[in-house]
C-alpha atoms as a PDB file:
ATOM      1  CA  MET A   1    -103.766 -35.252  -4.337  1.00  0.00           C
ATOM      2  CA  MET A   2    -103.867 -33.624  -1.052  1.00  0.00           C
ATOM      3  CA  ALA A   3    -106.411 -36.255  -0.517  1.00  0.00           C
ATOM      4  CA  ASP A   4    -104.278 -38.847  -1.316  1.00  0.00           C
ATOM      5  CA  CYS A   5    -101.262 -37.223   1.018  1.00  0.00           C
ATOM      6  CA  GLU A   6    -104.071 -37.398   4.277  1.00  0.00           C
ATOM      7  CA  ASN A   7    -104.353 -41.353   3.641  1.00  0.00           C
ATOM      8  CA  VAL A   8    -100.803 -42.036   3.187  1.00  0.00           C
ATOM      9  CA  GLU A   9     -98.918 -43.661   6.110  1.00  0.00           C
ATOM     10  CA  LEU A  10     -95.756 -41.619   7.068  1.00  0.00           C
ATOM     11  CA  PRO A  11     -92.405 -43.618   7.030  1.00  0.00           C
ATOM     12  CA  ASN A  12     -91.490 -45.269  10.286  1.00  0.00           C
ATOM     13  CA  THR A  13     -87.830 -45.799   9.454  1.00  0.00           C
ATOM     14  CA  ALA A  14     -86.017 -43.077  11.227  1.00  0.00           C
ATOM     15  CA  GLY A  15     -83.740 -40.939   8.987  1.00  0.00           C
ATOM     16  CA  ARG A  16     -85.628 -42.466   5.852  1.00  0.00           C
ATOM     17  CA  ASN A  17     -84.709 -40.177   2.755  1.00  0.00           C
ATOM     18  CA  LEU A  18     -87.811 -37.937   2.063  1.00  0.00           C
ATOM     19  CA  LYS A  19     -87.202 -37.701  -1.493  1.00  0.00           C
ATOM     20  CA  GLN A  20     -87.243 -41.315  -1.950  1.00  0.00           C
ATOM     21  CA  TRP A  21     -90.305 -41.848   0.032  1.00  0.00           C
ATOM     22  CA  LEU A  22     -92.186 -39.461  -1.951  1.00  0.00           C
ATOM     23  CA  GLN A  23     -91.119 -40.935  -5.043  1.00  0.00           C
ATOM     24  CA  GLU A  24     -92.402 -43.930  -4.118  1.00  0.00           C
ATOM     25  CA  GLN A  25     -95.525 -42.881  -2.845  1.00  0.00           C
ATOM     26  CA  PHE A  26     -96.708 -40.233  -5.842  1.00  0.00           C
ATOM     27  CA  GLY A  27     -93.977 -40.354  -8.507  1.00  0.00           C
ATOM     28  CA  ASN A  28     -93.498 -44.421  -8.976  1.00  0.00           C
ATOM     29  CA  ARG A  29     -97.193 -45.345  -8.764  1.00  0.00           C
ATOM     30  CA  PRO A  30     -98.582 -47.488 -11.847  1.00  0.00           C
ATOM     31  CA  LEU A  31     -99.873 -45.093 -14.634  1.00  0.00           C
ATOM     32  CA  GLU A  32    -103.406 -45.960 -13.748  1.00  0.00           C
ATOM     33  CA  GLN A  33    -103.017 -44.734 -10.242  1.00  0.00           C
ATOM     34  CA  ALA A  34    -100.648 -41.647 -10.658  1.00  0.00           C
ATOM     35  CA  GLU A  35    -101.293 -37.999 -11.839  1.00  0.00           C
ATOM     36  CA  ASP A  36    -100.070 -37.106 -15.261  1.00  0.00           C
ATOM     37  CA  MET A  37     -96.957 -34.670 -14.483  1.00  0.00           C
ATOM     38  CA  ARG A  38     -96.528 -33.373 -18.075  1.00  0.00           C
ATOM     39  CA  LEU A  39     -97.964 -29.949 -17.361  1.00  0.00           C
ATOM     40  CA  HIS A  40     -95.607 -29.460 -14.134  1.00  0.00           C
ATOM     41  CA  ASN A  41     -92.429 -30.899 -15.920  1.00  0.00           C
ATOM     42  CA  ALA A  42     -92.998 -28.249 -18.692  1.00  0.00           C
ATOM     43  CA  ALA A  43     -93.080 -25.275 -15.997  1.00  0.00           C
ATOM     44  CA  HIS A  44     -89.893 -26.935 -14.807  1.00  0.00           C
ATOM     45  CA  LEU A  45     -88.497 -26.923 -17.941  1.00  0.00           C
ATOM     46  CA  GLY A  46     -89.612 -23.577 -18.993  1.00  0.00           C
ATOM     47  CA  ASP A  47     -91.371 -25.367 -22.209  1.00  0.00           C
ATOM     48  CA  LEU A  48     -93.832 -22.569 -23.342  1.00  0.00           C
ATOM     49  CA  ASP A  49     -94.944 -24.964 -26.532  1.00  0.00           C
ATOM     50  CA  THR A  50     -95.707 -27.894 -24.400  1.00  0.00           C
ATOM     51  CA  LEU A  51     -97.539 -25.809 -21.704  1.00  0.00           C
ATOM     52  CA  ARG A  52     -99.729 -24.134 -24.655  1.00  0.00           C
ATOM     53  CA  THR A  53    -100.453 -27.830 -26.187  1.00  0.00           C
ATOM     54  CA  LEU A  54    -101.385 -29.390 -22.842  1.00  0.00           C
ATOM     55  CA  LEU A  55    -103.697 -26.637 -21.939  1.00  0.00           C
ATOM     56  CA  GLN A  56    -105.542 -27.273 -24.578  1.00  0.00           C
ATOM     57  CA  GLU A  57    -106.924 -30.344 -22.877  1.00  0.00           C
ATOM     58  CA  ASP A  58    -109.576 -30.170 -20.054  1.00  0.00           C
ATOM     59  CA  ILE A  59    -107.771 -32.735 -18.138  1.00  0.00           C
ATOM     60  CA  PHE A  60    -104.685 -30.497 -17.983  1.00  0.00           C
ATOM     61  CA  LYS A  61    -106.725 -27.039 -17.505  1.00  0.00           C
ATOM     62  CA  GLN A  62    -108.010 -28.881 -14.143  1.00  0.00           C
ATOM     63  CA  GLN A  63    -104.627 -29.355 -13.232  1.00  0.00           C
ATOM     64  CA  ILE A  64    -103.449 -25.772 -13.503  1.00  0.00           C
ATOM     65  CA  ASN A  65    -103.858 -24.961  -9.590  1.00  0.00           C
ATOM     66  CA  GLU A  66    -103.195 -28.534  -8.364  1.00  0.00           C
ATOM     67  CA  LYS A  67    -100.137 -29.456  -6.192  1.00  0.00           C
ATOM     68  CA  LEU A  68     -98.341 -32.345  -7.719  1.00  0.00           C
ATOM     69  CA  ILE A  69     -94.699 -33.874  -6.855  1.00  0.00           C
ATOM     70  CA  TRP A  70     -93.413 -33.124 -10.585  1.00  0.00           C
ATOM     71  CA  SER A  71     -90.319 -35.653 -11.611  1.00  0.00           C
ATOM     72  CA  CYS A  72     -87.512 -33.095 -10.767  1.00  0.00           C
ATOM     73  CA  GLY A  73     -88.887 -31.615  -7.115  1.00  0.00           C
ATOM     74  CA  LEU A  74     -89.333 -32.829  -3.778  1.00  0.00           C
ATOM     75  CA  LEU A  75     -92.431 -30.785  -2.779  1.00  0.00           C
ATOM     76  CA  PRO A  76     -96.044 -30.962  -4.058  1.00  0.00           C
ATOM     77  CA  CYS A  77     -96.613 -27.346  -5.724  1.00  0.00           C
ATOM     78  CA  THR A  78     -98.451 -25.851  -8.747  1.00  0.00           C
ATOM     79  CA  PRO A  79     -96.813 -25.146 -12.225  1.00  0.00           C
ATOM     80  CA  LEU A  80     -96.915 -21.520 -11.431  1.00  0.00           C
ATOM     81  CA  ARG A  81     -95.103 -21.820  -8.334  1.00  0.00           C
ATOM     82  CA  ILE A  82     -92.437 -24.202 -10.185  1.00  0.00           C
ATOM     83  CA  ALA A  83     -92.069 -21.815 -13.315  1.00  0.00           C
ATOM     84  CA  ALA A  84     -91.477 -18.819 -10.801  1.00  0.00           C
ATOM     85  CA  MET A  85     -89.078 -20.420  -9.139  1.00  0.00           C
ATOM     86  CA  MET A  86     -87.101 -21.523 -12.288  1.00  0.00           C
ATOM     87  CA  GLY A  87     -87.358 -17.816 -13.588  1.00  0.00           C
ATOM     88  CA  HIS A  88     -89.303 -18.671 -16.541  1.00  0.00           C
ATOM     89  CA  CYS A  89     -91.208 -15.467 -17.198  1.00  0.00           C
ATOM     90  CA  LYS A  90     -93.152 -16.346 -20.338  1.00  0.00           C
ATOM     91  CA  CYS A  91     -94.173 -19.444 -18.529  1.00  0.00           C
ATOM     92  CA  VAL A  92     -95.545 -17.631 -15.597  1.00  0.00           C
ATOM     93  CA  GLU A  93     -97.527 -14.851 -17.627  1.00  0.00           C
ATOM     94  CA  PHE A  94     -98.905 -18.033 -19.798  1.00  0.00           C
ATOM     95  CA  LEU A  95    -100.063 -19.804 -16.853  1.00  0.00           C
ATOM     96  CA  ILE A  96    -101.572 -17.000 -14.943  1.00  0.00           C
ATOM     97  CA  SER A  97    -103.884 -16.004 -18.333  1.00  0.00           C
ATOM     98  CA  GLN A  98    -104.734 -19.585 -18.362  1.00  0.00           C
ATOM     99  CA  GLY A  99    -106.329 -19.290 -14.822  1.00  0.00           C
ATOM    100  CA  ALA A 100    -103.189 -20.111 -12.441  1.00  0.00           C
ATOM    101  CA  LYS A 101    -103.896 -18.786  -8.945  1.00  0.00           C
ATOM    102  CA  VAL A 102    -101.023 -16.248  -7.958  1.00  0.00           C
ATOM    103  CA  ASP A 103    -101.328 -16.987  -4.374  1.00  0.00           C
ATOM    104  CA  LEU A 104    -101.473 -20.704  -3.769  1.00  0.00           C
ATOM    105  CA  VAL A 105     -99.012 -22.260  -1.316  1.00  0.00           C
ATOM    106  CA  ASP A 106     -97.234 -25.404  -1.621  1.00  0.00           C
ATOM    107  CA  VAL A 107     -97.036 -27.783   1.417  1.00  0.00           C
ATOM    108  CA  LYS A 108     -94.534 -25.320   3.126  1.00  0.00           C
ATOM    109  CA  GLY A 109     -96.488 -21.904   2.731  1.00  0.00           C
ATOM    110  CA  GLN A 110     -94.296 -20.699  -0.050  1.00  0.00           C
ATOM    111  CA  THR A 111     -96.066 -18.741  -2.598  1.00  0.00           C
ATOM    112  CA  ALA A 112     -95.126 -18.333  -6.428  1.00  0.00           C
ATOM    113  CA  MET A 113     -93.957 -14.740  -5.098  1.00  0.00           C
ATOM    114  CA  PHE A 114     -91.747 -15.651  -2.327  1.00  0.00           C
ATOM    115  CA  MET A 115     -90.141 -18.337  -4.556  1.00  0.00           C
ATOM    116  CA  ALA A 116     -89.582 -15.755  -7.243  1.00  0.00           C
ATOM    117  CA  VAL A 117     -87.849 -13.408  -4.866  1.00  0.00           C
ATOM    118  CA  VAL A 118     -85.670 -16.361  -3.059  1.00  0.00           C
ATOM    119  CA  ASN A 119     -84.132 -17.333  -6.348  1.00  0.00           C
ATOM    120  CA  GLY A 120     -83.623 -13.903  -7.574  1.00  0.00           C
ATOM    121  CA  HIS A 121     -86.002 -13.573 -10.341  1.00  0.00           C
ATOM    122  CA  LEU A 122     -87.049  -9.969 -10.877  1.00  0.00           C
ATOM    123  CA  ASP A 123     -89.056 -10.048 -13.941  1.00  0.00           C
ATOM    124  CA  CYS A 124     -91.127 -12.892 -12.568  1.00  0.00           C
ATOM    125  CA  VAL A 125     -91.459 -10.952  -9.334  1.00  0.00           C
ATOM    126  CA  LYS A 126     -92.969  -8.058 -11.463  1.00  0.00           C
ATOM    127  CA  ILE A 127     -95.027 -10.276 -13.515  1.00  0.00           C
ATOM    128  CA  LEU A 128     -96.891 -11.648 -10.297  1.00  0.00           C
ATOM    129  CA  LEU A 129     -97.390  -8.483  -8.607  1.00  0.00           C
ATOM    130  CA  LYS A 130     -99.310  -6.990 -11.724  1.00  0.00           C
ATOM    131  CA  ALA A 131    -101.076 -10.139 -11.739  1.00  0.00           C
ATOM    132  CA  GLY A 132    -102.100  -9.432  -7.756  1.00  0.00           C
ATOM    133  CA  ALA A 133     -99.889 -11.348  -6.063  1.00  0.00           C
ATOM    134  CA  ASP A 134     -99.576 -10.446  -1.982  1.00  0.00           C
ATOM    135  CA  PRO A 135     -96.451  -8.725  -2.062  1.00  0.00           C
ATOM    136  CA  ASN A 136     -96.093 -10.061   1.743  1.00  0.00           C
ATOM    137  CA  GLY A 137     -96.448 -13.635   0.730  1.00  0.00           C
ATOM    138  CA  SER A 138     -98.491 -16.134   2.612  1.00  0.00           C
ATOM    139  CA  ILE A 139     -99.528 -15.942   6.264  1.00  0.00           C
ATOM    140  CA  HIS A 140     -98.569 -19.825   6.306  1.00  0.00           C
ATOM    141  CA  HIS A 141     -95.022 -19.172   6.134  1.00  0.00           C
ATOM    142  CA  ARG A 142     -92.737 -17.908   8.666  1.00  0.00           C
ATOM    143  CA  SER A 143     -90.951 -15.338   6.283  1.00  0.00           C
ATOM    144  CA  THR A 144     -91.893 -12.789   3.660  1.00  0.00           C
ATOM    145  CA  PRO A 145     -90.497 -11.972   0.447  1.00  0.00           C
ATOM    146  CA  LEU A 146     -89.655  -8.572   1.418  1.00  0.00           C
ATOM    147  CA  TYR A 147     -87.495 -10.063   4.475  1.00  0.00           C
ATOM    148  CA  HIS A 148     -85.905 -12.431   2.232  1.00  0.00           C
ATOM    149  CA  ALA A 149     -84.946  -9.246  -0.244  1.00  0.00           C
ATOM    150  CA  ALA A 150     -83.570  -7.394   2.579  1.00  0.00           C
ATOM    151  CA  GLN A 151     -81.292 -10.178   3.959  1.00  0.00           C
ATOM    152  CA  VAL A 152     -79.647 -10.824   0.830  1.00  0.00           C
ATOM    153  CA  GLY A 153     -79.403  -7.072  -0.544  1.00  0.00           C
ATOM    154  CA  ARG A 154     -81.782  -7.479  -3.524  1.00  0.00           C
ATOM    155  CA  VAL A 155     -82.291  -3.286  -3.560  1.00  0.00           C
ATOM    156  CA  ASP A 156     -84.039  -3.860  -7.006  1.00  0.00           C
ATOM    157  CA  ILE A 157     -86.434  -6.568  -5.819  1.00  0.00           C
ATOM    158  CA  LEU A 158     -87.193  -4.523  -2.264  1.00  0.00           C
ATOM    159  CA  ARG A 159     -88.320  -1.483  -4.408  1.00  0.00           C
ATOM    160  CA  GLU A 160     -90.406  -3.527  -6.442  1.00  0.00           C
ATOM    161  CA  LEU A 161     -92.189  -4.768  -3.264  1.00  0.00           C
ATOM    162  CA  ILE A 162     -92.332  -1.542  -1.674  1.00  0.00           C
ATOM    163  CA  ARG A 163     -93.876  -0.357  -4.780  1.00  0.00           C
ATOM    164  CA  PHE A 164     -96.736  -2.600  -4.324  1.00  0.00           C
ATOM    165  CA  ASN A 165     -97.335  -1.875  -0.729  1.00  0.00           C
ATOM    166  CA  ALA A 166     -95.465  -4.861   0.934  1.00  0.00           C
ATOM    167  CA  ASP A 167     -95.348  -4.335   4.842  1.00  0.00           C
ATOM    168  CA  VAL A 168     -91.796  -2.727   5.476  1.00  0.00           C
ATOM    169  CA  ASP A 169     -92.066  -3.035   9.478  1.00  0.00           C
ATOM    170  CA  ILE A 170     -92.167  -6.666  10.180  1.00  0.00           C
ATOM    171  CA  ASP A 171     -92.699 -10.357   9.477  1.00  0.00           C
ATOM    172  CA  HIS A 172     -96.302 -10.296  10.970  1.00  0.00           C
ATOM    173  CA  ARG A 173     -96.571 -14.075  11.173  1.00  0.00           C
ATOM    174  CA  LEU A 174     -94.290 -14.114  14.211  1.00  0.00           C
ATOM    175  CA  GLU A 175     -96.452 -13.005  17.329  1.00  0.00           C
ATOM    176  CA  GLN A 176     -94.752 -10.646  19.931  1.00  0.00           C
ATOM    177  CA  ARG A 177     -94.141 -12.668  23.317  1.00  0.00           C
ATOM    178  CA  ALA A 178     -94.234 -11.304  26.714  1.00  0.00           C
ATOM    179  CA  MET A 179     -90.742 -11.504  28.004  1.00  0.00           C
ATOM    180  CA  PHE A 180     -89.733 -11.292  31.652  1.00  0.00           C
ATOM    181  CA  GLY A 181     -93.102  -9.762  32.631  1.00  0.00           C
ATOM    182  CA  THR A 182     -92.231  -6.245  32.418  1.00  0.00           C
ATOM    183  CA  ARG A 183     -92.956  -5.639  28.975  1.00  0.00           C
ATOM    184  CA  THR A 184     -93.518  -7.172  25.669  1.00  0.00           C
ATOM    185  CA  LEU A 185     -90.006  -7.480  23.463  1.00  0.00           C
ATOM    186  CA  ALA A 186     -90.390  -8.972  20.009  1.00  0.00           C
ATOM    187  CA  ASN A 187     -87.607 -10.700  18.656  1.00  0.00           C
ATOM    188  CA  LEU A 188     -85.632  -8.078  16.453  1.00  0.00           C
ATOM    189  CA  SER A 189     -84.406 -10.439  13.951  1.00  0.00           C
ATOM    190  CA  VAL A 190     -88.008 -10.806  12.465  1.00  0.00           C
ATOM    191  CA  CYS A 191     -87.814  -7.048  11.250  1.00  0.00           C
ATOM    192  CA  PRO A 192     -86.684  -6.567   7.784  1.00  0.00           C
ATOM    193  CA  LEU A 193     -84.884  -3.459   9.022  1.00  0.00           C
ATOM    194  CA  PHE A 194     -82.729  -5.406  11.563  1.00  0.00           C
ATOM    195  CA  ILE A 195     -81.825  -8.126   8.966  1.00  0.00           C
ATOM    196  CA  SER A 196     -80.645  -5.423   6.530  1.00  0.00           C
ATOM    197  CA  ALA A 197     -78.499  -4.259   9.133  1.00  0.00           C
ATOM    198  CA  ALA A 198     -77.112  -7.507  10.250  1.00  0.00           C
ATOM    199  CA  TYR A 199     -75.652  -8.060   6.876  1.00  0.00           C
ATOM    200  CA  HIS A 200     -74.731  -4.769   6.668  1.00  0.00           C
ATOM    201  CA  HIS A 201     -76.776  -3.865   3.315  1.00  0.00           C
ATOM    202  CA  PHE A 202     -76.904   0.018   3.882  1.00  0.00           C
ATOM    203  CA  PRO A 203     -79.023   0.716   0.488  1.00  0.00           C
ATOM    204  CA  CYS A 204     -81.682  -1.727   1.956  1.00  0.00           C
ATOM    205  CA  PHE A 205     -81.518  -0.232   5.422  1.00  0.00           C
ATOM    206  CA  ARG A 206     -81.931   3.288   3.685  1.00  0.00           C
ATOM    207  CA  ILE A 207     -84.922   2.250   1.395  1.00  0.00           C
ATOM    208  CA  LEU A 208     -87.067   0.647   4.188  1.00  0.00           C
ATOM    209  CA  LEU A 209     -86.621   3.622   6.507  1.00  0.00           C
ATOM    210  CA  ASN A 210     -87.377   5.793   3.790  1.00  0.00           C
ATOM    211  CA  ALA A 211     -90.732   3.685   2.943  1.00  0.00           C
ATOM    212  CA  GLY A 212     -91.928   4.367   6.468  1.00  0.00           C
ATOM    213  CA  ALA A 213     -90.090   1.342   8.684  1.00  0.00           C
ATOM    214  CA  ASN A 214     -90.364   2.317  12.429  1.00  0.00           C
ATOM    215  CA  PRO A 215     -86.934   3.526  13.689  1.00  0.00           C
ATOM    216  CA  ASN A 216     -87.828   2.449  17.130  1.00  0.00           C
ATOM    217  CA  TYR A 217     -89.445  -0.652  16.315  1.00  0.00           C
ATOM    218  CA  ASN A 218     -89.249  -3.187  19.514  1.00  0.00           C
ATOM    219  CA  TYR A 219     -89.709  -0.407  21.971  1.00  0.00           C
ATOM    220  CA  ASN A 220     -92.915  -0.897  24.222  1.00  0.00           C
ATOM    221  CA  GLY A 221     -92.277   0.364  27.619  1.00  0.00           C
ATOM    222  CA  PRO A 222     -89.346   0.179  30.299  1.00  0.00           C
ATOM    223  CA  VAL A 223     -86.552  -1.709  29.158  1.00  0.00           C
ATOM    224  CA  SER A 224     -86.104  -5.145  30.917  1.00  0.00           C
ATOM    225  CA  ARG A 225     -82.558  -5.207  32.518  1.00  0.00           C
ATOM    226  CA  GLU A 226     -82.779  -9.132  32.573  1.00  0.00           C
ATOM    227  CA  ALA A 227     -83.419  -9.001  28.528  1.00  0.00           C
ATOM    228  CA  LEU A 228     -80.145  -6.954  28.461  1.00  0.00           C
ATOM    229  CA  VAL A 229     -78.234  -9.428  30.244  1.00  0.00           C
ATOM    230  CA  ARG A 230     -79.211 -12.226  27.941  1.00  0.00           C
ATOM    231  CA  GLY A 231     -78.034  -9.864  24.932  1.00  0.00           C
ATOM    232  CA  ARG A 232     -81.079  -8.645  23.519  1.00  0.00           C
ATOM    233  CA  ALA A 233     -81.483  -5.182  21.892  1.00  0.00           C
ATOM    234  CA  SER A 234     -83.700  -2.966  23.452  1.00  0.00           C
ATOM    235  CA  CYS A 235     -84.654  -1.088  20.092  1.00  0.00           C
ATOM    236  CA  MET A 236     -83.297  -0.809  16.585  1.00  0.00           C
ATOM    237  CA  LEU A 237     -80.436   1.813  17.690  1.00  0.00           C
ATOM    238  CA  ASP A 238     -79.241  -0.510  20.289  1.00  0.00           C
ATOM    239  CA  ALA A 239     -79.260  -3.372  17.670  1.00  0.00           C
ATOM    240  CA  VAL A 240     -77.231  -1.371  14.996  1.00  0.00           C
ATOM    241  CA  LEU A 241     -74.476  -0.371  17.650  1.00  0.00           C
ATOM    242  CA  LYS A 242     -74.008  -3.795  18.976  1.00  0.00           C
ATOM    243  CA  LEU A 243     -73.899  -5.318  15.435  1.00  0.00           C
ATOM    244  CA  GLY A 244     -70.980  -2.955  14.711  1.00  0.00           C
ATOM    245  CA  CYS A 245     -72.704  -1.313  12.016  1.00  0.00           C
ATOM    246  CA  GLU A 246     -70.897   1.810  10.133  1.00  0.00           C
ATOM    247  CA  PRO A 247     -71.661   5.342  11.250  1.00  0.00           C
ATOM    248  CA  ALA A 248     -73.998   5.845   8.340  1.00  0.00           C
ATOM    249  CA  PHE A 249     -76.725   3.470   9.989  1.00  0.00           C
ATOM    250  CA  VAL A 250     -76.682   5.331  12.947  1.00  0.00           C
ATOM    251  CA  ARG A 251     -76.950   8.840  11.174  1.00  0.00           C
ATOM    252  CA  LEU A 252     -79.788   7.642   9.317  1.00  0.00           C
ATOM    253  CA  LEU A 253     -81.787   6.149  12.201  1.00  0.00           C
ATOM    254  CA  LEU A 254     -81.424   9.276  13.981  1.00  0.00           C
ATOM    255  CA  ASP A 255     -82.394  11.398  11.215  1.00  0.00           C
ATOM    256  CA  HIS A 256     -85.590   9.313  10.896  1.00  0.00           C
ATOM    257  CA  GLY A 257     -86.449   9.700  14.247  1.00  0.00           C
ATOM    258  CA  ALA A 258     -84.888   6.764  16.220  1.00  0.00           C
ATOM    259  CA  ASP A 259     -84.957   7.805  20.023  1.00  0.00           C
ATOM    260  CA  PRO A 260     -81.069   7.724  21.545  1.00  0.00           C
ATOM    261  CA  TYR A 261     -82.757   7.732  24.918  1.00  0.00           C
ATOM    262  CA  LEU A 262     -83.961   4.223  24.300  1.00  0.00           C
ATOM    263  CA  VAL A 263     -80.365   2.750  24.227  1.00  0.00           C
ATOM    264  CA  PRO A 264     -79.790   1.722  28.045  1.00  0.00           C
ATOM    265  CA  TRP A 265     -76.124   2.304  27.868  1.00  0.00           C
ATOM    266  CA  ASP A 266     -73.706   5.288  27.190  1.00  0.00           C
ATOM    267  CA  GLU A 267     -70.331   4.848  28.051  1.00  0.00           C
ATOM    268  CA  LEU A 268     -68.437   1.400  27.352  1.00  0.00           C
ATOM    269  CA  ASP A 269     -65.397   0.177  28.558  1.00  0.00           C
ATOM    270  CA  PRO A 270     -62.784  -0.792  25.781  1.00  0.00           C
ATOM    271  CA  GLU A 271     -63.397  -4.786  26.562  1.00  0.00           C
ATOM    272  CA  THR A 272     -66.885  -4.543  26.055  1.00  0.00           C
ATOM    273  CA  MET A 273     -66.579  -2.294  22.857  1.00  0.00           C
ATOM    274  CA  VAL A 274     -64.126  -5.147  21.461  1.00  0.00           C
ATOM    275  CA  ARG A 275     -66.624  -8.117  22.617  1.00  0.00           C
ATOM    276  CA  LEU A 276     -69.638  -6.346  21.095  1.00  0.00           C
ATOM    277  CA  LYS A 277     -67.755  -5.106  18.159  1.00  0.00           C
ATOM    278  CA  VAL A 278     -69.277  -1.552  18.403  1.00  0.00           C
ATOM    279  CA  ASN A 279     -67.922   1.083  15.863  1.00  0.00           C
ATOM    280  CA  ALA A 280     -66.288   3.837  17.796  1.00  0.00           C
ATOM    281  CA  GLU A 281     -67.491   6.791  15.356  1.00  0.00           C
ATOM    282  CA  ALA A 282     -71.136   5.175  15.702  1.00  0.00           C
ATOM    283  CA  LEU A 283     -70.791   5.113  19.311  1.00  0.00           C
ATOM    284  CA  ARG A 284     -69.677   8.762  19.304  1.00  0.00           C
ATOM    285  CA  ILE A 285     -72.623   9.995  16.981  1.00  0.00           C
ATOM    286  CA  TYR A 286     -74.917   8.300  19.388  1.00  0.00           C
ATOM    287  CA  GLN A 287     -73.472  10.014  22.331  1.00  0.00           C
ATOM    288  CA  GLU A 288     -73.912  13.207  20.583  1.00  0.00           C
ATOM    289  CA  ALA A 289     -77.407  12.920  19.659  1.00  0.00           C
ATOM    290  CA  LYS A 290     -77.955  11.882  23.367  1.00  0.00           C
ATOM    291  CA  ARG A 291     -76.588  15.176  24.319  1.00  0.00           C
ATOM    292  CA  ASN A 292     -77.727  17.567  21.809  1.00  0.00           C
ATOM    293  CA  PRO A 293     -81.649  18.275  20.841  1.00  0.00           C
ATOM    294  CA  ARG A 294     -82.525  17.843  17.213  1.00  0.00           C
ATOM    295  CA  ARG A 295     -82.848  20.858  14.793  1.00  0.00           C
ATOM    296  CA  LEU A 296     -86.482  22.170  14.648  1.00  0.00           C
ATOM    297  CA  MET A 297     -86.448  21.393  10.693  1.00  0.00           C
ATOM    298  CA  HIS A 298     -85.635  17.869  11.414  1.00  0.00           C
ATOM    299  CA  LEU A 299     -88.538  17.435  14.125  1.00  0.00           C
ATOM    300  CA  CYS A 300     -90.939  18.856  11.512  1.00  0.00           C
ATOM    301  CA  ARG A 301     -89.546  16.233   9.020  1.00  0.00           C
ATOM    302  CA  ILE A 302     -90.292  13.383  11.612  1.00  0.00           C
ATOM    303  CA  THR A 303     -93.780  14.791  12.585  1.00  0.00           C
ATOM    304  CA  ILE A 304     -94.822  14.922   9.109  1.00  0.00           C
ATOM    305  CA  ARG A 305     -93.777  11.458   7.969  1.00  0.00           C
ATOM    306  CA  LYS A 306     -95.524  10.135  11.099  1.00  0.00           C
ATOM    307  CA  ILE A 307     -98.788  11.836  10.426  1.00  0.00           C
ATOM    308  CA  MET A 308     -98.808  10.879   6.952  1.00  0.00           C
ATOM    309  CA  GLY A 309     -98.046   7.151   7.810  1.00  0.00           C
ATOM    310  CA  LYS A 310     -95.995   4.542   6.053  1.00  0.00           C
ATOM    311  CA  GLU A 311     -98.933   3.735   3.574  1.00  0.00           C
ATOM    312  CA  ARG A 312     -99.295   7.389   2.404  1.00  0.00           C
ATOM    313  CA  LEU A 313     -95.528   8.515   2.321  1.00  0.00           C
ATOM    314  CA  SER A 314     -95.579   7.966  -1.529  1.00  0.00           C
ATOM    315  CA  CYS A 315     -98.013  10.538  -1.791  1.00  0.00           C
ATOM    316  CA  ILE A 316     -95.666  13.308  -0.878  1.00  0.00           C
ATOM    317  CA  SER A 317     -94.040  13.260  -4.464  1.00  0.00           C
ATOM    318  CA  SER A 318     -97.639  14.081  -5.973  1.00  0.00           C
ATOM    319  CA  LEU A 319     -98.101  17.364  -3.741  1.00  0.00           C
ATOM    320  CA  GLU A 320     -97.688  20.798  -5.045  1.00  0.00           C
ATOM    321  CA  LEU A 321     -94.467  21.689  -3.058  1.00  0.00           C
ATOM    322  CA  PRO A 322     -91.219  22.822  -4.173  1.00  0.00           C
ATOM    323  CA  GLU A 323     -88.989  19.924  -5.068  1.00  0.00           C
ATOM    324  CA  THR A 324     -86.217  20.898  -2.570  1.00  0.00           C
ATOM    325  CA  ILE A 325     -88.938  20.207   0.086  1.00  0.00           C
ATOM    326  CA  LYS A 326     -89.822  16.926  -1.446  1.00  0.00           C
ATOM    327  CA  ARG A 327     -86.279  15.976  -1.681  1.00  0.00           C
ATOM    328  CA  PHE A 328     -86.060  16.873   2.103  1.00  0.00           C
ATOM    329  CA  MET A 329     -88.973  14.929   3.112  1.00  0.00           C
ATOM    330  CA  PHE A 330     -87.612  11.804   1.283  1.00  0.00           C
ATOM    331  CA  HIS A 331     -83.986  12.406   2.975  1.00  0.00           C
ATOM    332  CA  GLU A 332     -82.646  13.063  -0.348  1.00  0.00           C
ATOM    333  CA  ASP A 333     -81.302  16.422   0.508  1.00  0.00           C
END
């Protein structure tokens, strides 16, 4: 199929309908030239009986990891990706048991896992993760399953991805860029923690921080004033204030070790506060943190969590410690 794609000339007519062109090239060919798409169509419909019947034949066993354009679709993709997108859990399980590769991508770099998350199918997500699917999706796609879950506020999916060690800090497909010659400044919008704050999904924001997301993400040196003039936030705390987030967001960032001295402004005039939609109480909490040192107990918690690292934070619950200390370490006090 992919070899055929390489030899097909792209349409020259400007604005031509992509679906129509794809169907002409791959869906409406004579039967002797076209692939049999019954396996892919059955995955789309969730027809488990048909899948079982078809996969008894060698020709369809060979198709289980092939990317075809099925009758209801636009993009070449595998039966597993189709079943995961539609939320057909039993079909997902059966296809995996028959040798479907869990991390194959479609032509857009989307894995079955990513499509299950995008379409909100938690049960399919669980099945794919248990089968060894990468919780971070594919390096060929510019987003991750965890990023999307944080954006839409799916706490249940977020927890499951984190349980299987999804990267909580950044969509690492986007490289940091050198900006303005004075520092490396990544775009905060690629960070799951930022996107959860931008959409005011506080439960997601809390889960990400508790799983080890960097509260000072995006700070690598002296702040570029030119960058800030253009509206860029210097760090996560700066972003949360500028986004007009509720005071709870600021408190949580500070509790997890956000450095208030990284925010390059203190007092704001009323006009600027209205323009930036700054929450007055959130600003007060930030200013108070900047004036007063943290308590020693909080500093110890921040230091211990930093030493543990986000990969080992979950081990705290198995340590021989009093439950009150474990709850404190997980900010459940």
